[in-house]
Amino acid sequence: MKTAWWLLVVLLAFMAGWFGRGRVPVAETAPAAARAAVPAANAARDTSRKRWGEKLREQEEPKALLAEIPAKDRGASVEAWLGSYGLGGLDGATVTKFWNLLDVWVAEDSEAAWQWASGLSDAGMRELAMTGIAGSLADSDPQRAFDCLVAHGEFHHGIRDGRLMNLMKGLSQEALKKDPLALVELWEKVPKAGESVDSYAGVSLELDPATDFRTLLDAMRSKLGKDTDRPLFPNGVMKAWTKTDPEAARGYLIEKIAAKENFDDEWSEMGSVLAKAKGQAAADQWTLEMLRELPEGDRGAFFEGSGWMNSPGRIFDLMHAGATEAESAQWIAETVQVSADHEGSAWKIGNILGELPIEKRIEHLKSLRGPKALELIGPVVERWNLTESQVAEIKQAVASP
């Protein structure tokens, strides 16, 4: 009995060991083999995509090559091609080649191209791809092209694709058929320009003479801001108003001057119409007469609001075109005072006074008043090589009642 019992124990132990060994290889070795196979497959696919990317770069006209790339590898291959140039390495010819390639891809499968572009992790590459697809769709599907154009939160580069300008012009004209506010709502959806944007393009609007120009301009000013807030922006409203009803446009401008607002975009358009219609000399005389009609203080508001303080040579050219010496001195005094009150810009004040002899600069600074003006004296004169006593004299004059 003891022997039989012992044999039974040995047999059970043997069977337990056998079944245990039978399960261990399945549990341990099969997943290991699977894990080894996945990196190998991924590595092969990555290598293949890299090779496709190299071929895309080598081909001057890669559209035919695109059809050879497997659908599942197409996006990654294009990304490998673009990424091979490095940061800031895409020249104009490469961008054009990329647009041509996208034209083919979008024609074959716009949804796949869209999904790839919108999922790119690099913001600059995503913007390039999305705006490229928008250009490809601009003629065939304008609304979808617009949706693609505005799908990201901020532009990092300027818009140089003429198809997108035509797209926005067409959509703008459609919006204007409804009412001026529809146009503004359209442009509000266009993302703003980031700090790296270095070029801007105006989309000239075609406006009916019956357009409510005042309502349209007010809405654009309040909702869209300055032209350079976006790499693409609508323009031509003030130009059309000046051609249609110059007196009404002039009255609108005078209102903005009185309110001490910036109106450089509007003045740029109005000035171009005047110069083209009258000639530059006659346009200068028109401007001088308008300045003479403005109340005291508003002449400075004109130069400040028009943006001319950034280019003071234009101010002095205008004054040399017909202003008296007394007028010139008065208008410069008003301009630096408005600048001190409005923006407190030492750079702008120094910029315009820098055109004058040193004794005239000191005279104008002494005429300034107000707490902001007193704070600006130091930064304005720091490059003028004035003595300490001269600076003290200027500050004492500014601080006086």
Protein backbone atom coordinates (compact mmCIF):
# COMPACT_ATOMS: atom_id res chain seq x y z
CA MET A 1 0.00 0.00 0.00
CA LYS A 2 2.83 2.35 0.87
CA THR A 3 4.47 1.64 -2.47
CA ALA A 4 1.23 2.23 -4.37
CA TRP A 5 0.66 5.48 -2.47
CA TRP A 6 4.20 6.60 -3.21
CA LEU A 7 3.82 5.81 -6.91
CA LEU A 8 0.55 7.77 -7.02
CA VAL A 9 2.25 10.82 -5.50
CA VAL A 10 5.14 10.63 -8.01
CA LEU A 11 2.71 10.25 -10.91
CA LEU A 12 0.67 13.30 -9.84
CA ALA A 13 3.81 15.39 -9.40
CA PHE A 14 5.04 14.35 -12.85
CA MET A 15 1.74 15.23 -14.45
CA ALA A 16 1.64 18.62 -12.71
CA GLY A 17 5.15 19.37 -13.95
CA TRP A 18 4.31 18.29 -17.48
CA PHE A 19 1.21 20.43 -17.76
CA GLY A 20 3.01 23.34 -16.10
CA ARG A 21 5.83 23.13 -18.64
CA GLY A 22 3.27 22.84 -21.42
CA ARG A 23 1.66 26.13 -20.44
CA VAL A 24 4.80 28.20 -19.75
CA PRO A 25 6.09 28.36 -23.34
CA VAL A 26 2.67 29.46 -24.59
CA ALA A 27 2.31 32.12 -21.93
CA GLU A 28 5.85 33.51 -22.19
CA THR A 29 7.31 32.93 -25.63
CA ALA A 30 4.34 33.75 -27.87
CA PRO A 31 3.90 37.41 -26.68
CA ALA A 32 7.65 37.90 -26.84
CA ALA A 33 7.64 36.82 -30.46
CA ALA A 34 4.71 39.14 -31.20
CA ARG A 35 6.49 42.06 -29.52
CA ALA A 36 9.58 41.42 -31.59
CA ALA A 37 7.60 41.29 -34.83
CA VAL A 38 5.87 44.70 -34.33
CA PRO A 39 9.06 46.84 -34.10
CA ALA A 40 10.46 44.99 -37.08
CA ALA A 41 7.35 45.79 -39.13
CA ASN A 42 7.36 49.42 -37.96
CA ALA A 43 11.05 49.79 -38.74
CA ALA A 44 10.49 48.43 -42.24
CA ARG A 45 7.58 50.76 -42.80
CA ASP A 46 9.53 53.78 -41.48
CA THR A 47 12.42 52.92 -43.79
CA SER A 48 10.04 52.62 -46.72
CA ARG A 49 8.46 55.98 -45.95
CA LYS A 50 11.87 57.58 -45.65
CA ARG A 51 12.82 56.21 -49.06
CA TRP A 52 9.61 57.59 -50.55
CA GLY A 53 10.38 60.94 -48.94
CA GLU A 54 13.84 60.93 -50.53
CA LYS A 55 12.35 60.10 -53.92
CA LEU A 56 9.82 62.93 -53.57
CA ARG A 57 12.65 65.32 -52.84
CA GLU A 58 14.68 64.13 -55.82
CA GLN A 59 11.82 64.42 -58.31
CA GLU A 60 11.33 67.84 -59.87
CA GLU A 61 7.74 66.89 -60.69
CA PRO A 62 6.58 64.41 -57.99
CA LYS A 63 2.90 64.17 -58.93
CA ALA A 64 3.25 60.86 -60.79
CA LEU A 65 5.32 59.41 -57.97
CA LEU A 66 2.56 60.15 -55.48
CA ALA A 67 0.31 57.56 -57.14
CA GLU A 68 2.92 54.85 -56.51
CA ILE A 69 3.05 55.42 -52.75
CA PRO A 70 0.71 53.08 -50.81
CA ALA A 71 -2.25 54.96 -49.40
CA LYS A 72 -1.36 54.06 -45.81
CA ASP A 73 2.16 55.49 -46.24
CA ARG A 74 1.36 58.55 -48.35
CA GLY A 75 1.01 61.11 -45.56
CA ALA A 76 4.07 59.94 -43.63
CA SER A 77 6.14 59.87 -46.82
CA VAL A 78 5.20 63.45 -47.69
CA GLU A 79 5.94 64.47 -44.10
CA ALA A 80 9.37 62.80 -44.32
CA TRP A 81 10.03 64.72 -47.54
CA LEU A 82 9.12 68.09 -46.04
CA GLY A 83 10.91 67.34 -42.77
CA SER A 84 14.15 66.57 -44.62
CA TYR A 85 14.63 70.27 -45.37
CA GLY A 86 14.90 71.26 -41.73
CA LEU A 87 13.54 74.37 -40.01
CA GLY A 88 13.01 77.24 -42.45
CA GLY A 89 14.49 75.23 -45.31
CA LEU A 90 11.59 75.33 -47.78
CA ASP A 91 12.27 77.71 -50.65
CA GLY A 92 9.65 79.02 -53.04
CA ALA A 93 10.26 76.29 -55.62
CA THR A 94 9.77 73.54 -53.03
CA VAL A 95 6.56 75.09 -51.74
CA THR A 96 5.22 75.30 -55.30
CA LYS A 97 6.17 71.65 -55.84
CA PHE A 98 4.32 70.76 -52.65
CA TRP A 99 1.22 72.66 -53.81
CA ASN A 100 1.30 70.78 -57.13
CA LEU A 101 1.51 67.49 -55.28
CA LEU A 102 -1.42 68.44 -53.06
CA ASP A 103 -3.47 69.30 -56.13
CA VAL A 104 -3.16 65.68 -57.25
CA TRP A 105 -3.80 64.22 -53.80
CA VAL A 106 -6.85 66.40 -53.20
CA ALA A 107 -8.26 65.52 -56.62
CA GLU A 108 -7.92 61.81 -55.79
CA ASP A 109 -8.95 61.84 -52.13
CA SER A 110 -9.51 65.22 -50.52
CA GLU A 111 -10.69 63.69 -47.25
CA ALA A 112 -7.49 61.68 -46.79
CA ALA A 113 -5.37 64.73 -47.58
CA TRP A 114 -7.39 66.83 -45.12
CA GLN A 115 -7.11 64.23 -42.35
CA TRP A 116 -3.37 63.97 -42.81
CA ALA A 117 -2.81 67.73 -42.86
CA SER A 118 -5.01 68.50 -39.87
CA GLY A 119 -3.26 65.83 -37.79
CA LEU A 120 0.30 67.12 -38.29
CA SER A 121 1.94 67.89 -34.95
CA ASP A 122 4.30 70.58 -36.27
CA ALA A 123 2.37 73.86 -36.38
CA GLY A 124 4.31 75.32 -39.31
CA MET A 125 4.01 72.18 -41.43
CA ARG A 126 0.31 71.87 -40.54
CA GLU A 127 -0.34 75.44 -41.63
CA LEU A 128 1.55 74.93 -44.89
CA ALA A 129 -0.41 71.78 -45.64
CA MET A 130 -3.82 73.17 -44.67
CA THR A 131 -3.40 76.38 -46.66
CA GLY A 132 -2.11 74.31 -49.58
CA ILE A 133 -5.22 72.11 -49.51
CA ALA A 134 -7.36 75.25 -49.28
CA GLY A 135 -5.68 76.49 -52.45
CA SER A 136 -6.33 73.16 -54.16
CA LEU A 137 -10.04 73.36 -53.28
CA ALA A 138 -10.45 77.10 -53.95
CA ASP A 139 -12.06 76.71 -57.37
CA SER A 140 -13.93 73.44 -56.98
CA ASP A 141 -15.29 73.81 -53.43
CA PRO A 142 -14.89 77.38 -52.09
CA GLN A 143 -16.70 76.80 -48.79
CA ARG A 144 -14.64 73.72 -47.93
CA ALA A 145 -11.51 75.60 -48.97
CA PHE A 146 -12.44 78.40 -46.58
CA ASP A 147 -13.08 75.91 -43.76
CA CYS A 148 -9.60 74.51 -44.36
CA LEU A 149 -8.02 77.95 -44.45
CA VAL A 150 -9.47 78.96 -41.07
CA ALA A 151 -9.08 75.58 -39.35
CA HIS A 152 -6.05 76.58 -37.23
CA GLY A 153 -5.78 79.20 -34.52
CA GLU A 154 -3.04 81.50 -35.80
CA PHE A 155 -0.99 82.11 -38.93
CA HIS A 156 2.77 81.68 -38.60
CA HIS A 157 3.58 82.62 -42.20
CA GLY A 158 2.35 85.06 -44.79
CA ILE A 159 -0.10 84.00 -47.50
CA ARG A 160 1.54 84.01 -50.91
CA ASP A 161 -0.90 81.73 -52.75
CA GLY A 162 -2.89 83.83 -55.18
CA ARG A 163 -5.64 81.20 -55.24
CA LEU A 164 -6.46 82.04 -51.62
CA MET A 165 -6.72 85.74 -52.40
CA ASN A 166 -9.15 84.94 -55.21
CA LEU A 167 -11.03 82.64 -52.85
CA MET A 168 -11.48 85.38 -50.25
CA LYS A 169 -12.43 87.92 -52.88
CA GLY A 170 -15.15 85.64 -54.24
CA LEU A 171 -16.52 84.81 -50.79
CA SER A 172 -16.41 88.49 -49.85
CA GLN A 173 -18.45 89.50 -52.87
CA GLU A 174 -21.04 86.85 -52.00
CA ALA A 175 -21.21 88.13 -48.42
CA LEU A 176 -21.64 91.72 -49.58
CA LYS A 177 -24.76 90.72 -51.51
CA LYS A 178 -26.39 90.03 -48.12
CA ASP A 179 -25.25 93.06 -46.10
CA PRO A 180 -22.04 94.73 -44.84
CA LEU A 181 -22.08 92.85 -41.55
CA ALA A 182 -22.04 89.50 -43.37
CA LEU A 183 -18.70 90.50 -44.86
CA VAL A 184 -17.30 91.33 -41.44
CA GLU A 185 -18.55 88.04 -40.01
CA LEU A 186 -16.76 86.20 -42.82
CA TRP A 187 -13.43 87.90 -42.17
CA GLU A 188 -13.69 87.52 -38.40
CA LYS A 189 -13.22 83.77 -38.93
CA VAL A 190 -9.82 84.24 -40.57
CA PRO A 191 -7.11 83.56 -37.94
CA LYS A 192 -4.86 86.40 -36.89
CA ALA A 193 -1.21 86.79 -37.74
CA GLY A 194 1.43 85.66 -35.28
CA GLU A 195 4.67 87.51 -34.66
CA SER A 196 6.55 85.47 -37.27
CA VAL A 197 4.31 86.61 -40.17
CA ASP A 198 6.38 88.90 -42.39
CA SER A 199 4.08 89.61 -45.33
CA TYR A 200 0.51 90.81 -45.71
CA ALA A 201 -1.85 90.91 -48.65
CA GLY A 202 -4.93 93.02 -49.21
CA VAL A 203 -8.00 91.59 -50.92
CA SER A 204 -9.55 94.47 -52.81
CA LEU A 205 -13.33 94.59 -52.54
CA GLU A 206 -15.65 95.67 -55.33
CA LEU A 207 -18.31 97.84 -53.72
CA ASP A 208 -21.56 99.12 -55.11
CA PRO A 209 -21.98 102.92 -54.87
CA ALA A 210 -25.11 102.28 -52.80
CA THR A 211 -23.07 100.49 -50.11
CA ASP A 212 -23.52 101.74 -46.55
CA PHE A 213 -19.85 102.69 -46.29
CA ARG A 214 -20.09 104.14 -42.78
CA THR A 215 -21.68 101.02 -41.31
CA LEU A 216 -19.21 98.78 -43.10
CA LEU A 217 -16.15 100.79 -41.99
CA ASP A 218 -17.32 101.06 -38.39
CA ALA A 219 -17.92 97.31 -38.24
CA MET A 220 -14.54 96.55 -39.79
CA ARG A 221 -12.78 98.88 -37.35
CA SER A 222 -14.47 97.41 -34.29
CA LYS A 223 -14.45 93.74 -35.29
CA LEU A 224 -11.40 93.29 -37.53
CA GLY A 225 -8.95 95.84 -36.18
CA LYS A 226 -5.98 96.91 -38.29
CA ASP A 227 -5.19 95.50 -41.70
CA THR A 228 -2.01 93.84 -40.45
CA ASP A 229 -3.86 91.86 -37.77
CA ARG A 230 -4.28 89.16 -40.45
CA PRO A 231 -1.98 88.02 -43.27
CA LEU A 232 -4.97 88.44 -45.60
CA PHE A 233 -7.27 91.38 -45.06
CA PRO A 234 -10.12 93.13 -46.90
CA ASN A 235 -9.46 96.60 -48.24
CA GLY A 236 -10.75 99.16 -50.70
CA VAL A 237 -13.73 100.41 -48.68
CA MET A 238 -12.39 103.91 -48.02
CA LYS A 239 -11.03 104.02 -51.54
CA ALA A 240 -14.48 103.25 -52.99
CA TRP A 241 -16.17 105.75 -50.66
CA THR A 242 -13.72 108.51 -51.62
CA LYS A 243 -14.46 107.89 -55.29
CA THR A 244 -18.23 107.70 -54.71
CA ASP A 245 -18.72 110.55 -52.22
CA PRO A 246 -15.46 112.33 -51.32
CA GLU A 247 -17.12 114.83 -48.97
CA ALA A 248 -18.80 112.12 -46.92
CA ALA A 249 -15.53 110.17 -46.74
CA ARG A 250 -13.70 113.32 -45.67
CA GLY A 251 -16.30 113.96 -42.97
CA TYR A 252 -15.84 110.43 -41.63
CA LEU A 253 -12.09 110.96 -41.49
CA ILE A 254 -12.48 114.25 -39.59
CA GLU A 255 -14.66 112.46 -37.02
CA LYS A 256 -11.85 109.98 -36.38
CA ILE A 257 -9.33 112.81 -36.07
CA ALA A 258 -11.50 114.56 -33.49
CA ALA A 259 -11.88 111.31 -31.55
CA LYS A 260 -8.06 110.91 -31.49
CA GLU A 261 -8.39 107.48 -33.10
CA ASN A 262 -5.98 105.73 -35.45
CA PHE A 263 -7.11 105.77 -39.06
CA ASP A 264 -3.90 104.99 -40.96
CA ASP A 265 -5.52 102.24 -43.05
CA GLU A 266 -8.36 104.52 -44.15
CA TRP A 267 -6.06 107.49 -44.79
CA SER A 268 -3.72 105.36 -46.88
CA GLU A 269 -6.60 104.45 -49.19
CA MET A 270 -8.01 107.97 -49.32
CA GLY A 271 -4.56 109.46 -49.99
CA SER A 272 -3.93 107.06 -52.86
CA VAL A 273 -7.22 108.06 -54.51
CA LEU A 274 -6.46 111.76 -54.12
CA ALA A 275 -2.93 111.42 -55.49
CA LYS A 276 -4.13 109.40 -58.47
CA ALA A 277 -7.04 111.70 -59.26
CA LYS A 278 -5.39 115.06 -58.58
CA GLY A 279 -1.66 114.38 -58.74
CA GLN A 280 0.57 114.40 -55.65
CA ALA A 281 1.03 118.19 -55.56
CA ALA A 282 -2.72 118.83 -55.69
CA ALA A 283 -3.35 116.08 -53.13
CA ASP A 284 -0.86 117.76 -50.77
CA GLN A 285 -2.69 121.08 -51.14
CA TRP A 286 -6.01 119.33 -50.41
CA THR A 287 -4.49 117.90 -47.22
CA LEU A 288 -3.04 121.27 -46.17
CA GLU A 289 -6.41 122.94 -46.59
CA MET A 290 -8.06 120.24 -44.50
CA LEU A 291 -5.44 120.75 -41.76
CA ARG A 292 -6.09 124.49 -41.72
CA GLU A 293 -9.79 123.87 -41.22
CA LEU A 294 -9.25 121.59 -38.22
CA PRO A 295 -9.47 123.01 -34.71
CA GLU A 296 -6.28 123.58 -32.74
CA GLY A 297 -4.87 120.30 -31.48
CA ASP A 298 -6.48 118.19 -34.16
CA ARG A 299 -3.64 118.81 -36.62
CA GLY A 300 -1.43 116.80 -34.29
CA ALA A 301 -4.17 114.16 -34.02
CA PHE A 302 -4.11 113.88 -37.81
CA PHE A 303 -0.37 113.23 -37.98
CA GLU A 304 -0.58 110.79 -35.07
CA GLY A 305 -3.67 108.92 -36.29
CA SER A 306 -2.55 108.71 -39.91
CA GLY A 307 0.61 106.83 -38.97
CA TRP A 308 2.83 109.54 -40.44
CA MET A 309 4.83 109.84 -37.23
CA ASN A 310 6.46 106.56 -38.16
CA SER A 311 7.79 108.29 -41.29
CA PRO A 312 8.32 111.91 -40.28
CA GLY A 313 9.86 112.74 -43.63
CA ARG A 314 6.35 112.64 -45.10
CA ILE A 315 5.20 115.25 -42.57
CA PHE A 316 7.98 117.64 -43.47
CA ASP A 317 7.49 117.04 -47.20
CA LEU A 318 3.85 118.03 -46.77
CA MET A 319 4.76 121.16 -44.83
CA HIS A 320 7.34 122.14 -47.42
CA ALA A 321 4.61 121.81 -50.04
CA GLY A 322 2.84 124.92 -48.75
CA ALA A 323 2.67 125.37 -44.98
CA THR A 324 4.03 128.57 -43.50
CA GLU A 325 6.85 128.51 -40.96
CA ALA A 326 4.40 129.42 -38.21
CA GLU A 327 1.99 126.67 -39.27
CA SER A 328 4.78 124.12 -39.37
CA ALA A 329 5.98 125.03 -35.89
CA GLN A 330 2.43 124.93 -34.49
CA TRP A 331 1.57 121.61 -36.10
CA ILE A 332 4.78 119.96 -34.89
CA ALA A 333 4.10 121.22 -31.36
CA GLU A 334 0.57 119.79 -31.49
CA THR A 335 1.84 116.49 -32.86
CA VAL A 336 4.42 115.83 -30.12
CA GLN A 337 1.87 116.84 -27.46
CA VAL A 338 -0.78 114.49 -28.84
CA SER A 339 1.78 111.71 -29.04
CA ALA A 340 2.79 112.27 -25.41
CA ASP A 341 -0.85 112.27 -24.30
CA HIS A 342 -2.06 109.45 -26.51
CA GLU A 343 0.64 106.77 -26.67
CA GLY A 344 3.45 108.18 -24.61
CA SER A 345 5.92 107.14 -27.31
CA ALA A 346 9.40 108.51 -26.70
CA TRP A 347 10.53 106.87 -29.94
CA LYS A 348 7.92 108.69 -32.05
CA ILE A 349 8.59 112.05 -30.44
CA GLY A 350 12.33 111.63 -30.85
CA ASN A 351 11.76 110.47 -34.42
CA ILE A 352 9.92 113.59 -35.55
CA LEU A 353 11.99 116.08 -33.54
CA GLY A 354 15.15 114.44 -34.85
CA GLU A 355 14.44 116.11 -38.20
CA LEU A 356 14.93 119.56 -36.63
CA PRO A 357 17.98 121.52 -35.46
CA ILE A 358 18.87 120.89 -31.81
CA GLU A 359 17.65 124.29 -30.60
CA LYS A 360 14.22 123.64 -32.18
CA ARG A 361 14.06 120.21 -30.56
CA ILE A 362 14.70 121.71 -27.14
CA GLU A 363 12.10 124.43 -27.77
CA HIS A 364 9.42 121.86 -28.64
CA LEU A 365 10.22 119.71 -25.63
CA LYS A 366 9.90 122.73 -23.34
CA SER A 367 6.42 123.35 -24.71
CA LEU A 368 5.17 119.90 -23.66
CA ARG A 369 2.88 119.59 -20.66
CA GLY A 370 1.46 116.78 -18.55
CA PRO A 371 2.78 113.95 -16.36
CA LYS A 372 3.37 111.62 -19.31
CA ALA A 373 5.45 114.27 -21.05
CA LEU A 374 7.67 114.66 -18.01
CA GLU A 375 8.34 110.91 -17.95
CA LEU A 376 9.34 110.93 -21.63
CA ILE A 377 12.01 113.62 -21.45
CA GLY A 378 14.82 111.28 -20.42
CA PRO A 379 14.22 108.62 -23.11
CA VAL A 380 13.72 111.28 -25.82
CA VAL A 381 16.96 113.19 -25.18
CA GLU A 382 19.26 110.31 -24.25
CA ARG A 383 20.93 110.31 -27.69
CA TRP A 384 21.07 114.06 -28.16
CA ASN A 385 24.25 114.65 -26.14
CA LEU A 386 22.63 117.37 -24.05
CA THR A 387 24.25 118.64 -20.88
CA GLU A 388 22.72 117.90 -17.50
CA SER A 389 21.76 121.54 -17.12
CA GLN A 390 19.93 121.52 -20.48
CA VAL A 391 17.96 118.41 -19.51
CA ALA A 392 17.14 119.93 -16.13
CA GLU A 393 15.96 123.12 -17.84
CA ILE A 394 13.66 121.14 -20.15
CA LYS A 395 12.16 119.16 -17.25
CA GLN A 396 11.59 122.31 -15.24
CA ALA A 397 9.72 123.90 -18.18
CA VAL A 398 7.56 120.81 -18.70
CA ALA A 399 6.72 120.62 -14.99
CA SER A 400 5.63 124.24 -14.83
CA PRO A 401 1.89 125.09 -14.96
